[in-house]
Amino acid sequence: MPQMAPLSWLNLFIFFIIIFMLFNIMNYFLLIYKNNNIKKNNKKSIIMWKW
């Protein structure tokens, strides 16, 4: 490919690997997950009906 003649293929490979790793790290650390372990205080009052 004459357009990429000045670039080394190893440098190009390392560049894309770095971009890929940065993308994965950003997705891992910047996503905020919802915490489903929060306990809610839902006390149901049981009413005993006497019919």
Protein backbone atom coordinates (compact mmCIF):
# COMPACT_ATOMS: atom_id res chain seq x y z
CA MET A 1 0.00 0.00 0.00
CA PRO A 2 1.79 3.15 -1.09
CA GLN A 3 -0.22 5.38 1.27
CA MET A 4 1.25 3.64 4.30
CA ALA A 5 4.81 3.42 3.03
CA PRO A 6 6.30 5.74 5.69
CA LEU A 7 4.67 3.80 8.52
CA SER A 8 6.05 0.66 9.98
CA TRP A 9 3.54 -2.18 10.26
CA LEU A 10 4.72 -2.87 13.80
CA ASN A 11 4.04 0.75 14.79
CA LEU A 12 0.60 0.56 13.21
CA PHE A 13 -0.15 -2.69 15.04
CA ILE A 14 1.00 -1.22 18.37
CA PHE A 15 -1.08 1.90 17.75
CA PHE A 16 -4.27 -0.11 17.15
CA ILE A 17 -3.59 -2.34 20.16
CA ILE A 18 -3.21 0.74 22.37
CA ILE A 19 -6.45 2.20 21.01
CA PHE A 20 -8.22 -1.12 21.61
CA MET A 21 -6.91 -1.36 25.18
CA LEU A 22 -7.89 2.24 25.96
CA PHE A 23 -11.37 1.61 24.60
CA ASN A 24 -11.78 -1.49 26.79
CA ILE A 25 -10.44 0.22 29.90
CA MET A 26 -12.74 3.20 29.41
CA ASN A 27 -15.76 0.93 28.96
CA TYR A 28 -14.86 -1.05 32.06
CA PHE A 29 -14.25 1.88 34.40
CA LEU A 30 -16.74 4.46 33.11
CA LEU A 31 -19.86 2.31 33.07
CA ILE A 32 -21.97 2.77 36.18
CA TYR A 33 -23.86 -0.34 37.16
CA LYS A 34 -27.01 -0.23 39.23
CA ASN A 35 -26.57 -1.72 42.67
CA ASN A 36 -29.32 -4.28 43.15
CA ASN A 37 -28.16 -5.24 46.65
CA ILE A 38 -29.82 -2.28 48.33
CA LYS A 39 -32.30 -3.58 50.87
CA LYS A 40 -35.59 -1.77 50.96
CA ASN A 41 -37.60 -1.39 54.14
CA ASN A 42 -40.95 -2.54 52.91
CA LYS A 43 -42.79 -3.64 56.01
CA LYS A 44 -46.18 -4.95 55.08
CA SER A 45 -48.79 -4.66 57.77
CA ILE A 46 -50.79 -7.82 58.02
CA ILE A 47 -54.38 -7.16 58.88
CA MET A 48 -56.25 -10.09 60.39
CA TRP A 49 -59.84 -9.70 59.31
CA LYS A 50 -62.41 -11.34 61.53
CA TRP A 51 -65.45 -12.18 59.52
